[in-house]
Amino acid sequence: MSCNLKQQHFSPNAADETWGGITFSITSSDDTKYADTLARVRMTWKDSTGVVAQTLDSDVSGEITIDSAVAYAWGFTVPDRILSLAAGYYSYAVEVTDSGGVIDKDYIAGTHQITADPHA
């Protein structure tokens, strides 16, 4: 299972200000991709040295909501929130796991700048 949604860059936002979150859905008729149900979604931010700075997980209440887990129609929401990230440049990746245990570690990936100044 692989979906090419690389380099989805988020608009910068200031530390201690609310990030707008994301909502994603896909409907597919592909006989191989998305044939199992969506079981888990994780989103991880890494700093410029590759160290994990924050992780959100659908297995943790309130962090990521799986809106649609049915085969061929997946959807999830990462709600608005204040991120626990210091000012800097981060890479992020969304990892999805289907009910068959297949994991796509960078289903959606890109960059996210956190600024110190809310007016930057």
PDB file of N, CA and C in Angstrom:
ATOM      1  N   MET A   1       0.846  -1.158   0.000  1.00  0.00           N
ATOM      2  CA  MET A   1       0.000   0.000   0.000  1.00  0.00           C
ATOM      3  C   MET A   1       0.891   1.220   0.000  1.00  0.00           C
ATOM      4  N   SER A   2       0.726   2.070  -0.971  1.00  0.00           N
ATOM      5  CA  SER A   2       1.510   3.289  -1.016  1.00  0.00           C
ATOM      6  C   SER A   2       0.718   4.343  -1.763  1.00  0.00           C
ATOM      7  N   CYS A   3       0.750   5.532  -1.240  1.00  0.00           N
ATOM      8  CA  CYS A   3       0.059   6.646  -1.854  1.00  0.00           C
ATOM      9  C   CYS A   3       1.059   7.780  -1.950  1.00  0.00           C
ATOM     10  N   ASN A   4       1.192   8.403  -3.087  1.00  0.00           N
ATOM     11  CA  ASN A   4       2.221   9.409  -3.271  1.00  0.00           C
ATOM     12  C   ASN A   4       1.698  10.799  -2.930  1.00  0.00           C
ATOM     13  N   LEU A   5       1.683  11.124  -1.658  1.00  0.00           N
ATOM     14  CA  LEU A   5       1.250  12.435  -1.192  1.00  0.00           C
ATOM     15  C   LEU A   5       2.408  13.130  -0.488  1.00  0.00           C
ATOM     16  N   LYS A   6       3.590  12.985  -1.022  1.00  0.00           N
ATOM     17  CA  LYS A   6       4.773  13.538  -0.397  1.00  0.00           C
ATOM     18  C   LYS A   6       4.823  15.049  -0.595  1.00  0.00           C
ATOM     19  N   GLN A   7       5.542  15.678   0.283  1.00  0.00           N
ATOM     20  CA  GLN A   7       5.815  17.109   0.200  1.00  0.00           C
ATOM     21  C   GLN A   7       4.556  17.970   0.240  1.00  0.00           C
ATOM     22  N   GLN A   8       3.712  17.676   1.180  1.00  0.00           N
ATOM     23  CA  GLN A   8       2.553  18.513   1.464  1.00  0.00           C
ATOM     24  C   GLN A   8       2.987  19.485   2.567  1.00  0.00           C
ATOM     25  N   HIS A   9       3.363  20.685   2.183  1.00  0.00           N
ATOM     26  CA  HIS A   9       3.914  21.653   3.134  1.00  0.00           C
ATOM     27  C   HIS A   9       2.788  22.404   3.835  1.00  0.00           C
ATOM     28  N   PHE A  10       2.873  22.478   5.153  1.00  0.00           N
ATOM     29  CA  PHE A  10       1.910  23.250   5.928  1.00  0.00           C
ATOM     30  C   PHE A  10       2.352  24.698   5.984  1.00  0.00           C
ATOM     31  N   SER A  11       1.412  25.600   6.075  1.00  0.00           N
ATOM     32  CA  SER A  11       1.730  27.010   6.288  1.00  0.00           C
ATOM     33  C   SER A  11       2.365  27.164   7.662  1.00  0.00           C
ATOM     34  N   PRO A  12       3.312  28.096   7.784  1.00  0.00           N
ATOM     35  CA  PRO A  12       3.938  28.301   9.095  1.00  0.00           C
ATOM     36  C   PRO A  12       2.908  28.741  10.132  1.00  0.00           C
ATOM     37  N   ASN A  13       3.149  28.382  11.364  1.00  0.00           N
ATOM     38  CA  ASN A  13       2.374  28.954  12.451  1.00  0.00           C
ATOM     39  C   ASN A  13       3.291  29.140  13.654  1.00  0.00           C
ATOM     40  N   ALA A  14       2.865  30.027  14.532  1.00  0.00           N
ATOM     41  CA  ALA A  14       3.695  30.384  15.684  1.00  0.00           C
ATOM     42  C   ALA A  14       3.557  29.349  16.796  1.00  0.00           C
ATOM     43  N   ALA A  15       4.655  29.184  17.527  1.00  0.00           N
ATOM     44  CA  ALA A  15       4.620  28.341  18.730  1.00  0.00           C
ATOM     45  C   ALA A  15       3.550  28.910  19.656  1.00  0.00           C
ATOM     46  N   ASP A  16       2.847  28.052  20.341  1.00  0.00           N
ATOM     47  CA  ASP A  16       1.788  28.432  21.282  1.00  0.00           C
ATOM     48  C   ASP A  16       0.549  29.014  20.613  1.00  0.00           C
ATOM     49  N   GLU A  17       0.439  28.923  19.291  1.00  0.00           N
ATOM     50  CA  GLU A  17      -0.793  29.291  18.603  1.00  0.00           C
ATOM     51  C   GLU A  17      -1.414  28.032  18.014  1.00  0.00           C
ATOM     52  N   THR A  18      -2.701  28.046  17.829  1.00  0.00           N
ATOM     53  CA  THR A  18      -3.406  26.866  17.346  1.00  0.00           C
ATOM     54  C   THR A  18      -3.086  26.589  15.885  1.00  0.00           C
ATOM     55  N   TRP A  19      -2.678  25.346  15.614  1.00  0.00           N
ATOM     56  CA  TRP A  19      -2.497  24.855  14.252  1.00  0.00           C
ATOM     57  C   TRP A  19      -3.848  24.375  13.759  1.00  0.00           C
ATOM     58  N   GLY A  20      -4.136  24.569  12.492  1.00  0.00           N
ATOM     59  CA  GLY A  20      -5.456  24.292  11.940  1.00  0.00           C
ATOM     60  C   GLY A  20      -5.837  22.842  11.752  1.00  0.00           C
ATOM     61  N   GLY A  21      -4.904  21.908  11.938  1.00  0.00           N
ATOM     62  CA  GLY A  21      -5.216  20.492  11.780  1.00  0.00           C
ATOM     63  C   GLY A  21      -5.390  20.110  10.323  1.00  0.00           C
ATOM     64  N   ILE A  22      -5.745  18.846  10.084  1.00  0.00           N
ATOM     65  CA  ILE A  22      -6.007  18.367   8.721  1.00  0.00           C
ATOM     66  C   ILE A  22      -7.168  17.388   8.741  1.00  0.00           C
ATOM     67  N   THR A  23      -7.869  17.345   7.638  1.00  0.00           N
ATOM     68  CA  THR A  23      -8.888  16.325   7.402  1.00  0.00           C
ATOM     69  C   THR A  23      -8.555  15.695   6.061  1.00  0.00           C
ATOM     70  N   PHE A  24      -8.560  14.375   6.016  1.00  0.00           N
ATOM     71  CA  PHE A  24      -8.183  13.667   4.804  1.00  0.00           C
ATOM     72  C   PHE A  24      -9.171  12.542   4.559  1.00  0.00           C
ATOM     73  N   SER A  25      -9.522  12.377   3.295  1.00  0.00           N
ATOM     74  CA  SER A  25     -10.342  11.214   2.935  1.00  0.00           C
ATOM     75  C   SER A  25      -9.984  10.767   1.530  1.00  0.00           C
ATOM     76  N   ILE A  26     -10.167   9.491   1.299  1.00  0.00           N
ATOM     77  CA  ILE A  26      -9.931   8.936  -0.032  1.00  0.00           C
ATOM     78  C   ILE A  26     -10.968   7.854  -0.299  1.00  0.00           C
ATOM     79  N   THR A  27     -11.486   7.870  -1.504  1.00  0.00           N
ATOM     80  CA  THR A  27     -12.375   6.812  -1.969  1.00  0.00           C
ATOM     81  C   THR A  27     -11.682   6.181  -3.167  1.00  0.00           C
ATOM     82  N   SER A  28     -11.545   4.868  -3.147  1.00  0.00           N
ATOM     83  CA  SER A  28     -10.791   4.176  -4.186  1.00  0.00           C
ATOM     84  C   SER A  28     -11.542   2.937  -4.648  1.00  0.00           C
ATOM     85  N   SER A  29     -11.396   2.654  -5.922  1.00  0.00           N
ATOM     86  CA  SER A  29     -11.943   1.396  -6.440  1.00  0.00           C
ATOM     87  C   SER A  29     -10.815   0.431  -6.773  1.00  0.00           C
ATOM     88  N   ASP A  30      -9.597   0.787  -6.425  1.00  0.00           N
ATOM     89  CA  ASP A  30      -8.421  -0.053  -6.671  1.00  0.00           C
ATOM     90  C   ASP A  30      -8.589  -1.374  -5.920  1.00  0.00           C
ATOM     91  N   ASP A  31      -8.363  -2.482  -6.584  1.00  0.00           N
ATOM     92  CA  ASP A  31      -8.582  -3.789  -5.969  1.00  0.00           C
ATOM     93  C   ASP A  31      -7.538  -4.170  -4.928  1.00  0.00           C
ATOM     94  N   THR A  32      -6.422  -3.471  -4.873  1.00  0.00           N
ATOM     95  CA  THR A  32      -5.387  -3.845  -3.911  1.00  0.00           C
ATOM     96  C   THR A  32      -5.201  -2.805  -2.818  1.00  0.00           C
ATOM     97  N   LYS A  33      -5.169  -1.537  -3.162  1.00  0.00           N
ATOM     98  CA  LYS A  33      -5.000  -0.489  -2.154  1.00  0.00           C
ATOM     99  C   LYS A  33      -6.321  -0.258  -1.434  1.00  0.00           C
ATOM    100  N   TYR A  34      -6.231  -0.067  -0.172  1.00  0.00           N
ATOM    101  CA  TYR A  34      -7.391   0.300   0.658  1.00  0.00           C
ATOM    102  C   TYR A  34      -8.438  -0.800   0.760  1.00  0.00           C
ATOM    103  N   ALA A  35      -8.096  -2.038   0.406  1.00  0.00           N
ATOM    104  CA  ALA A  35      -9.062  -3.133   0.439  1.00  0.00           C
ATOM    105  C   ALA A  35      -9.415  -3.544   1.863  1.00  0.00           C
ATOM    106  N   ASP A  36      -8.498  -3.340   2.799  1.00  0.00           N
ATOM    107  CA  ASP A  36      -8.791  -3.608   4.203  1.00  0.00           C
ATOM    108  C   ASP A  36      -9.286  -2.335   4.871  1.00  0.00           C
ATOM    109  N   THR A  37      -9.808  -2.473   6.059  1.00  0.00           N
ATOM    110  CA  THR A  37     -10.273  -1.296   6.782  1.00  0.00           C
ATOM    111  C   THR A  37      -9.091  -0.546   7.388  1.00  0.00           C
ATOM    112  N   LEU A  38      -9.285   0.738   7.620  1.00  0.00           N
ATOM    113  CA  LEU A  38      -8.268   1.570   8.256  1.00  0.00           C
ATOM    114  C   LEU A  38      -8.307   1.297   9.749  1.00  0.00           C
ATOM    115  N   ALA A  39      -7.168   0.934  10.330  1.00  0.00           N
ATOM    116  CA  ALA A  39      -7.122   0.546  11.742  1.00  0.00           C
ATOM    117  C   ALA A  39      -6.454   1.584  12.635  1.00  0.00           C
ATOM    118  N   ARG A  40      -5.475   2.327  12.110  1.00  0.00           N
ATOM    119  CA  ARG A  40      -4.729   3.256  12.958  1.00  0.00           C
ATOM    120  C   ARG A  40      -4.095   4.344  12.104  1.00  0.00           C
ATOM    121  N   VAL A  41      -4.002   5.547  12.687  1.00  0.00           N
ATOM    122  CA  VAL A  41      -3.325   6.673  12.047  1.00  0.00           C
ATOM    123  C   VAL A  41      -2.422   7.315  13.084  1.00  0.00           C
ATOM    124  N   ARG A  42      -1.177   7.562  12.698  1.00  0.00           N
ATOM    125  CA  ARG A  42      -0.226   8.277  13.570  1.00  0.00           C
ATOM    126  C   ARG A  42       0.388   9.420  12.771  1.00  0.00           C
ATOM    127  N   MET A  43       0.669  10.524  13.446  1.00  0.00           N
ATOM    128  CA  MET A  43       1.324  11.666  12.822  1.00  0.00           C
ATOM    129  C   MET A  43       2.496  12.064  13.701  1.00  0.00           C
ATOM    130  N   THR A  44       3.678  12.164  13.091  1.00  0.00           N
ATOM    131  CA  THR A  44       4.896  12.446  13.844  1.00  0.00           C
ATOM    132  C   THR A  44       5.636  13.623  13.224  1.00  0.00           C
ATOM    133  N   TRP A  45       6.083  14.545  14.074  1.00  0.00           N
ATOM    134  CA  TRP A  45       6.943  15.647  13.667  1.00  0.00           C
ATOM    135  C   TRP A  45       8.355  15.341  14.147  1.00  0.00           C
ATOM    136  N   LYS A  46       9.341  15.545  13.270  1.00  0.00           N
ATOM    137  CA  LYS A  46      10.750  15.373  13.638  1.00  0.00           C
ATOM    138  C   LYS A  46      11.474  16.695  13.430  1.00  0.00           C
ATOM    139  N   ASP A  47      12.402  16.999  14.349  1.00  0.00           N
ATOM    140  CA  ASP A  47      13.177  18.226  14.206  1.00  0.00           C
ATOM    141  C   ASP A  47      14.260  18.058  13.140  1.00  0.00           C
ATOM    142  N   SER A  48      15.055  19.090  12.946  1.00  0.00           N
ATOM    143  CA  SER A  48      16.046  19.079  11.870  1.00  0.00           C
ATOM    144  C   SER A  48      17.138  18.026  12.055  1.00  0.00           C
ATOM    145  N   THR A  49      17.261  17.469  13.263  1.00  0.00           N
ATOM    146  CA  THR A  49      18.250  16.408  13.499  1.00  0.00           C
ATOM    147  C   THR A  49      17.632  15.019  13.381  1.00  0.00           C
ATOM    148  N   GLY A  50      16.320  14.952  13.104  1.00  0.00           N
ATOM    149  CA  GLY A  50      15.640  13.673  12.960  1.00  0.00           C
ATOM    150  C   GLY A  50      15.053  13.115  14.244  1.00  0.00           C
ATOM    151  N   VAL A  51      15.133  13.894  15.316  1.00  0.00           N
ATOM    152  CA  VAL A  51      14.586  13.458  16.599  1.00  0.00           C
ATOM    153  C   VAL A  51      13.079  13.733  16.626  1.00  0.00           C
ATOM    154  N   VAL A  52      12.300  12.748  17.057  1.00  0.00           N
ATOM    155  CA  VAL A  52      10.853  12.915  17.164  1.00  0.00           C
ATOM    156  C   VAL A  52      10.543  13.980  18.211  1.00  0.00           C
ATOM    157  N   ALA A  53       9.806  15.006  17.785  1.00  0.00           N
ATOM    158  CA  ALA A  53       9.459  16.113  18.670  1.00  0.00           C
ATOM    159  C   ALA A  53       8.022  15.999  19.189  1.00  0.00           C
ATOM    160  N   GLN A  54       7.143  15.386  18.401  1.00  0.00           N
ATOM    161  CA  GLN A  54       5.752  15.204  18.833  1.00  0.00           C
ATOM    162  C   GLN A  54       5.118  14.115  17.989  1.00  0.00           C
ATOM    163  N   THR A  55       4.255  13.321  18.623  1.00  0.00           N
ATOM    164  CA  THR A  55       3.486  12.292  17.930  1.00  0.00           C
ATOM    165  C   THR A  55       2.039  12.368  18.380  1.00  0.00           C
ATOM    166  N   LEU A  56       1.130  12.262  17.419  1.00  0.00           N
ATOM    167  CA  LEU A  56      -0.301  12.145  17.687  1.00  0.00           C
ATOM    168  C   LEU A  56      -0.735  10.785  17.155  1.00  0.00           C
ATOM    169  N   ASP A  57      -1.753  10.172  17.796  1.00  0.00           N
ATOM    170  CA  ASP A  57      -2.104   8.792  17.480  1.00  0.00           C
ATOM    171  C   ASP A  57      -3.611   8.595  17.610  1.00  0.00           C
ATOM    172  N   SER A  58      -4.200   7.879  16.658  1.00  0.00           N
ATOM    173  CA  SER A  58      -5.638   7.595  16.748  1.00  0.00           C
ATOM    174  C   SER A  58      -5.958   6.645  17.901  1.00  0.00           C
ATOM    175  N   ASP A  59      -4.945   5.949  18.416  1.00  0.00           N
ATOM    176  CA  ASP A  59      -5.162   5.082  19.578  1.00  0.00           C
ATOM    177  C   ASP A  59      -5.260   5.874  20.882  1.00  0.00           C
ATOM    178  N   VAL A  60      -4.992   7.186  20.831  1.00  0.00           N
ATOM    179  CA  VAL A  60      -5.086   8.053  22.008  1.00  0.00           C
ATOM    180  C   VAL A  60      -6.304   8.956  21.813  1.00  0.00           C
ATOM    181  N   SER A  61      -7.230   8.903  22.729  1.00  0.00           N
ATOM    182  CA  SER A  61      -8.480   9.651  22.628  1.00  0.00           C
ATOM    183  C   SER A  61      -8.228  11.146  22.406  1.00  0.00           C
ATOM    184  N   GLY A  62      -8.884  11.709  21.376  1.00  0.00           N
ATOM    185  CA  GLY A  62      -8.816  13.133  21.118  1.00  0.00           C
ATOM    186  C   GLY A  62      -7.663  13.586  20.240  1.00  0.00           C
ATOM    187  N   GLU A  63      -6.729  12.692  19.916  1.00  0.00           N
ATOM    188  CA  GLU A  63      -5.581  13.128  19.121  1.00  0.00           C
ATOM    189  C   GLU A  63      -5.842  13.050  17.620  1.00  0.00           C
ATOM    190  N   ILE A  64      -6.292  11.899  17.124  1.00  0.00           N
ATOM    191  CA  ILE A  64      -6.657  11.729  15.718  1.00  0.00           C
ATOM    192  C   ILE A  64      -7.931  10.897  15.692  1.00  0.00           C
ATOM    193  N   THR A  65      -8.896  11.338  14.901  1.00  0.00           N
ATOM    194  CA  THR A  65     -10.158  10.618  14.780  1.00  0.00           C
ATOM    195  C   THR A  65     -10.222   9.927  13.429  1.00  0.00           C
ATOM    196  N   ILE A  66     -10.496   8.642  13.433  1.00  0.00           N
ATOM    197  CA  ILE A  66     -10.754   7.921  12.183  1.00  0.00           C
ATOM    198  C   ILE A  66     -12.226   8.134  11.862  1.00  0.00           C
ATOM    199  N   ASP A  67     -12.477   8.886  10.790  1.00  0.00           N
ATOM    200  CA  ASP A  67     -13.845   9.235  10.406  1.00  0.00           C
ATOM    201  C   ASP A  67     -14.511   8.133   9.595  1.00  0.00           C
ATOM    202  N   SER A  68     -13.721   7.448   8.780  1.00  0.00           N
ATOM    203  CA  SER A  68     -14.239   6.360   7.958  1.00  0.00           C
ATOM    204  C   SER A  68     -13.146   5.306   7.837  1.00  0.00           C
ATOM    205  N   ALA A  69     -13.449   4.116   8.306  1.00  0.00           N
ATOM    206  CA  ALA A  69     -12.464   3.038   8.290  1.00  0.00           C
ATOM    207  C   ALA A  69     -12.819   1.944   7.307  1.00  0.00           C
ATOM    208  N   VAL A  70     -13.911   2.088   6.576  1.00  0.00           N
ATOM    209  CA  VAL A  70     -14.370   1.019   5.700  1.00  0.00           C
ATOM    210  C   VAL A  70     -13.429   0.825   4.516  1.00  0.00           C
ATOM    211  N   ALA A  71     -13.406  -0.374   3.997  1.00  0.00           N
ATOM    212  CA  ALA A  71     -12.574  -0.672   2.838  1.00  0.00           C
ATOM    213  C   ALA A  71     -12.901   0.275   1.690  1.00  0.00           C
ATOM    214  N   TYR A  72     -11.874   0.765   1.030  1.00  0.00           N
ATOM    215  CA  TYR A  72     -11.955   1.655  -0.131  1.00  0.00           C
ATOM    216  C   TYR A  72     -12.474   3.054   0.181  1.00  0.00           C
ATOM    217  N   ALA A  73     -12.703   3.369   1.429  1.00  0.00           N
ATOM    218  CA  ALA A  73     -13.175   4.716   1.795  1.00  0.00           C
ATOM    219  C   ALA A  73     -12.631   5.086   3.162  1.00  0.00           C
ATOM    220  N   TRP A  74     -11.392   5.541   3.181  1.00  0.00           N
ATOM    221  CA  TRP A  74     -10.742   5.908   4.430  1.00  0.00           C
ATOM    222  C   TRP A  74     -10.849   7.405   4.661  1.00  0.00           C
ATOM    223  N   GLY A  75     -10.940   7.782   5.925  1.00  0.00           N
ATOM    224  CA  GLY A  75     -10.926   9.192   6.270  1.00  0.00           C
ATOM    225  C   GLY A  75     -10.489   9.380   7.703  1.00  0.00           C
ATOM    226  N   PHE A  76      -9.773  10.477   7.946  1.00  0.00           N
ATOM    227  CA  PHE A  76      -9.364  10.781   9.314  1.00  0.00           C
ATOM    228  C   PHE A  76      -9.210  12.285   9.488  1.00  0.00           C
ATOM    229  N   THR A  77      -9.264  12.713  10.745  1.00  0.00           N
ATOM    230  CA  THR A  77      -9.117  14.123  11.100  1.00  0.00           C
ATOM    231  C   THR A  77      -8.111  14.261  12.226  1.00  0.00           C
ATOM    232  N   VAL A  78      -7.174  15.172  12.027  1.00  0.00           N
ATOM    233  CA  VAL A  78      -6.288  15.611  13.100  1.00  0.00           C
ATOM    234  C   VAL A  78      -6.826  16.987  13.468  1.00  0.00           C
ATOM    235  N   PRO A  79      -7.498  17.116  14.618  1.00  0.00           N
ATOM    236  CA  PRO A  79      -8.183  18.371  14.933  1.00  0.00           C
ATOM    237  C   PRO A  79      -7.228  19.517  15.253  1.00  0.00           C
ATOM    238  N   ASP A  80      -7.770  20.730  15.174  1.00  0.00           N
ATOM    239  CA  ASP A  80      -7.030  21.927  15.575  1.00  0.00           C
ATOM    240  C   ASP A  80      -6.450  21.702  16.960  1.00  0.00           C
ATOM    241  N   ARG A  81      -5.225  22.205  17.156  1.00  0.00           N
ATOM    242  CA  ARG A  81      -4.598  22.059  18.468  1.00  0.00           C
ATOM    243  C   ARG A  81      -3.366  22.935  18.538  1.00  0.00           C
ATOM    244  N   ILE A  82      -2.939  23.224  19.751  1.00  0.00           N
ATOM    245  CA  ILE A  82      -1.646  23.847  19.970  1.00  0.00           C
ATOM    246  C   ILE A  82      -0.630  22.714  20.017  1.00  0.00           C
ATOM    247  N   LEU A  83       0.362  22.788  19.144  1.00  0.00           N
ATOM    248  CA  LEU A  83       1.393  21.756  19.093  1.00  0.00           C
ATOM    249  C   LEU A  83       2.474  22.045  20.127  1.00  0.00           C
ATOM    250  N   SER A  84       3.087  21.008  20.630  1.00  0.00           N
ATOM    251  CA  SER A  84       4.164  21.143  21.617  1.00  0.00           C
ATOM    252  C   SER A  84       5.510  21.213  20.899  1.00  0.00           C
ATOM    253  N   LEU A  85       5.641  22.209  20.021  1.00  0.00           N
ATOM    254  CA  LEU A  85       6.845  22.343  19.222  1.00  0.00           C
ATOM    255  C   LEU A  85       7.465  23.718  19.427  1.00  0.00           C
ATOM    256  N   ALA A  86       8.775  23.741  19.630  1.00  0.00           N
ATOM    257  CA  ALA A  86       9.510  24.997  19.716  1.00  0.00           C
ATOM    258  C   ALA A  86       9.685  25.559  18.304  1.00  0.00           C
ATOM    259  N   ALA A  87      10.057  26.806  18.199  1.00  0.00           N
ATOM    260  CA  ALA A  87      10.311  27.416  16.897  1.00  0.00           C
ATOM    261  C   ALA A  87      11.374  26.611  16.152  1.00  0.00           C
ATOM    262  N   GLY A  88      11.134  26.388  14.864  1.00  0.00           N
ATOM    263  CA  GLY A  88      12.085  25.643  14.045  1.00  0.00           C
ATOM    264  C   GLY A  88      11.404  25.048  12.833  1.00  0.00           C
ATOM    265  N   TYR A  89      12.173  24.284  12.073  1.00  0.00           N
ATOM    266  CA  TYR A  89      11.665  23.596  10.892  1.00  0.00           C
ATOM    267  C   TYR A  89      11.532  22.118  11.214  1.00  0.00           C
ATOM    268  N   TYR A  90      10.394  21.546  10.858  1.00  0.00           N
ATOM    269  CA  TYR A  90      10.102  20.152  11.158  1.00  0.00           C
ATOM    270  C   TYR A  90       9.679  19.421   9.890  1.00  0.00           C
ATOM    271  N   SER A  91       9.996  18.147   9.839  1.00  0.00           N
ATOM    272  CA  SER A  91       9.398  17.274   8.839  1.00  0.00           C
ATOM    273  C   SER A  91       8.305  16.503   9.567  1.00  0.00           C
ATOM    274  N   TYR A  92       7.239  16.227   8.870  1.00  0.00           N
ATOM    275  CA  TYR A  92       6.175  15.438   9.488  1.00  0.00           C
ATOM    276  C   TYR A  92       5.829  14.290   8.560  1.00  0.00           C
ATOM    277  N   ALA A  93       5.244  13.261   9.122  1.00  0.00           N
ATOM    278  CA  ALA A  93       4.761  12.130   8.333  1.00  0.00           C
ATOM    279  C   ALA A  93       3.509  11.570   8.992  1.00  0.00           C
ATOM    280  N   VAL A  94       2.557  11.210   8.160  1.00  0.00           N
ATOM    281  CA  VAL A  94       1.348  10.531   8.617  1.00  0.00           C
ATOM    282  C   VAL A  94       1.506   9.062   8.244  1.00  0.00           C
ATOM    283  N   GLU A  95       1.369   8.211   9.236  1.00  0.00           N
ATOM    284  CA  GLU A  95       1.499   6.763   9.058  1.00  0.00           C
ATOM    285  C   GLU A  95       0.116   6.138   9.213  1.00  0.00           C
ATOM    286  N   VAL A  96      -0.260   5.284   8.268  1.00  0.00           N
ATOM    287  CA  VAL A  96      -1.538   4.588   8.359  1.00  0.00           C
ATOM    288  C   VAL A  96      -1.287   3.088   8.434  1.00  0.00           C
ATOM    289  N   THR A  97      -2.144   2.413   9.186  1.00  0.00           N
ATOM    290  CA  THR A  97      -2.078   0.960   9.308  1.00  0.00           C
ATOM    291  C   THR A  97      -3.458   0.404   8.978  1.00  0.00           C
ATOM    292  N   ASP A  98      -3.500  -0.587   8.097  1.00  0.00           N
ATOM    293  CA  ASP A  98      -4.793  -1.196   7.788  1.00  0.00           C
ATOM    294  C   ASP A  98      -5.026  -2.427   8.657  1.00  0.00           C
ATOM    295  N   SER A  99      -6.219  -2.972   8.575  1.00  0.00           N
ATOM    296  CA  SER A  99      -6.581  -4.103   9.436  1.00  0.00           C
ATOM    297  C   SER A  99      -5.798  -5.366   9.119  1.00  0.00           C
ATOM    298  N   GLY A 100      -5.142  -5.404   7.982  1.00  0.00           N
ATOM    299  CA  GLY A 100      -4.284  -6.531   7.646  1.00  0.00           C
ATOM    300  C   GLY A 100      -2.874  -6.371   8.197  1.00  0.00           C
ATOM    301  N   GLY A 101      -2.628  -5.245   8.891  1.00  0.00           N
ATOM    302  CA  GLY A 101      -1.322  -5.004   9.483  1.00  0.00           C
ATOM    303  C   GLY A 101      -0.333  -4.325   8.557  1.00  0.00           C
ATOM    304  N   VAL A 102      -0.776  -3.931   7.361  1.00  0.00           N
ATOM    305  CA  VAL A 102       0.109  -3.248   6.423  1.00  0.00           C
ATOM    306  C   VAL A 102       0.259  -1.792   6.856  1.00  0.00           C
ATOM    307  N   ILE A 103       1.510  -1.362   6.978  1.00  0.00           N
ATOM    308  CA  ILE A 103       1.801  -0.001   7.449  1.00  0.00           C
ATOM    309  C   ILE A 103       2.450   0.783   6.311  1.00  0.00           C
ATOM    310  N   ASP A 104       1.937   1.992   6.085  1.00  0.00           N
ATOM    311  CA  ASP A 104       2.573   2.936   5.170  1.00  0.00           C
ATOM    312  C   ASP A 104       3.098   4.071   6.046  1.00  0.00           C
ATOM    313  N   LYS A 105       4.423   4.127   6.218  1.00  0.00           N
ATOM    314  CA  LYS A 105       5.028   5.028   7.200  1.00  0.00           C
ATOM    315  C   LYS A 105       5.049   6.483   6.790  1.00  0.00           C
ATOM    316  N   ASP A 106       4.888   6.776   5.530  1.00  0.00           N
ATOM    317  CA  ASP A 106       4.831   8.181   5.131  1.00  0.00           C
ATOM    318  C   ASP A 106       3.747   8.388   4.083  1.00  0.00           C
ATOM    319  N   TYR A 107       2.549   8.043   4.482  1.00  0.00           N
ATOM    320  CA  TYR A 107       1.357   8.146   3.642  1.00  0.00           C
ATOM    321  C   TYR A 107       1.179   9.573   3.152  1.00  0.00           C
ATOM    322  N   ILE A 108       1.321  10.511   4.062  1.00  0.00           N
ATOM    323  CA  ILE A 108       1.365  11.937   3.746  1.00  0.00           C
ATOM    324  C   ILE A 108       2.599  12.459   4.465  1.00  0.00           C
ATOM    325  N   ALA A 109       3.398  13.269   3.798  1.00  0.00           N
ATOM    326  CA  ALA A 109       4.611  13.785   4.431  1.00  0.00           C
ATOM    327  C   ALA A 109       4.909  15.173   3.889  1.00  0.00           C
ATOM    328  N   GLY A 110       5.688  15.920   4.653  1.00  0.00           N
ATOM    329  CA  GLY A 110       6.073  17.249   4.213  1.00  0.00           C
ATOM    330  C   GLY A 110       6.809  17.993   5.303  1.00  0.00           C
ATOM    331  N   THR A 111       6.708  19.306   5.251  1.00  0.00           N
ATOM    332  CA  THR A 111       7.399  20.151   6.210  1.00  0.00           C
ATOM    333  C   THR A 111       6.425  21.085   6.906  1.00  0.00           C
ATOM    334  N   HIS A 112       6.860  21.560   8.058  1.00  0.00           N
ATOM    335  CA  HIS A 112       6.037  22.475   8.864  1.00  0.00           C
ATOM    336  C   HIS A 112       6.975  23.395   9.631  1.00  0.00           C
ATOM    337  N   GLN A 113       6.874  24.684   9.379  1.00  0.00           N
ATOM    338  CA  GLN A 113       7.695  25.658  10.107  1.00  0.00           C
ATOM    339  C   GLN A 113       6.906  26.199  11.289  1.00  0.00           C
ATOM    340  N   ILE A 114       7.559  26.212  12.441  1.00  0.00           N
ATOM    341  CA  ILE A 114       6.997  26.822  13.646  1.00  0.00           C
ATOM    342  C   ILE A 114       7.840  28.065  13.921  1.00  0.00           C
ATOM    343  N   THR A 115       7.192  29.204  14.006  1.00  0.00           N
ATOM    344  CA  THR A 115       7.910  30.462  14.223  1.00  0.00           C
ATOM    345  C   THR A 115       7.785  30.885  15.690  1.00  0.00           C
ATOM    346  N   ALA A 116       8.733  31.697  16.136  1.00  0.00           N
ATOM    347  CA  ALA A 116       8.675  32.257  17.492  1.00  0.00           C
ATOM    348  C   ALA A 116       7.723  33.445  17.533  1.00  0.00           C
ATOM    349  N   ASP A 117       7.625  34.164  16.432  1.00  0.00           N
ATOM    350  CA  ASP A 117       6.824  35.384  16.342  1.00  0.00           C
ATOM    351  C   ASP A 117       5.506  35.080  15.646  1.00  0.00           C
ATOM    352  N   PRO A 118       4.377  35.357  16.289  1.00  0.00           N
ATOM    353  CA  PRO A 118       3.094  35.070  15.643  1.00  0.00           C
ATOM    354  C   PRO A 118       2.838  35.912  14.406  1.00  0.00           C
ATOM    355  N   HIS A 119       3.641  36.944  14.177  1.00  0.00           N
ATOM    356  CA  HIS A 119       3.446  37.806  13.013  1.00  0.00           C
ATOM    357  C   HIS A 119       4.468  37.560  11.923  1.00  0.00           C
ATOM    358  N   ALA A 120       5.263  36.489  12.077  1.00  0.00           N
ATOM    359  CA  ALA A 120       6.302  36.186  11.070  1.00  0.00           C
ATOM    360  C   ALA A 120       5.684  35.578   9.822  1.00  0.00           C
TER     361      ALA A 120
END
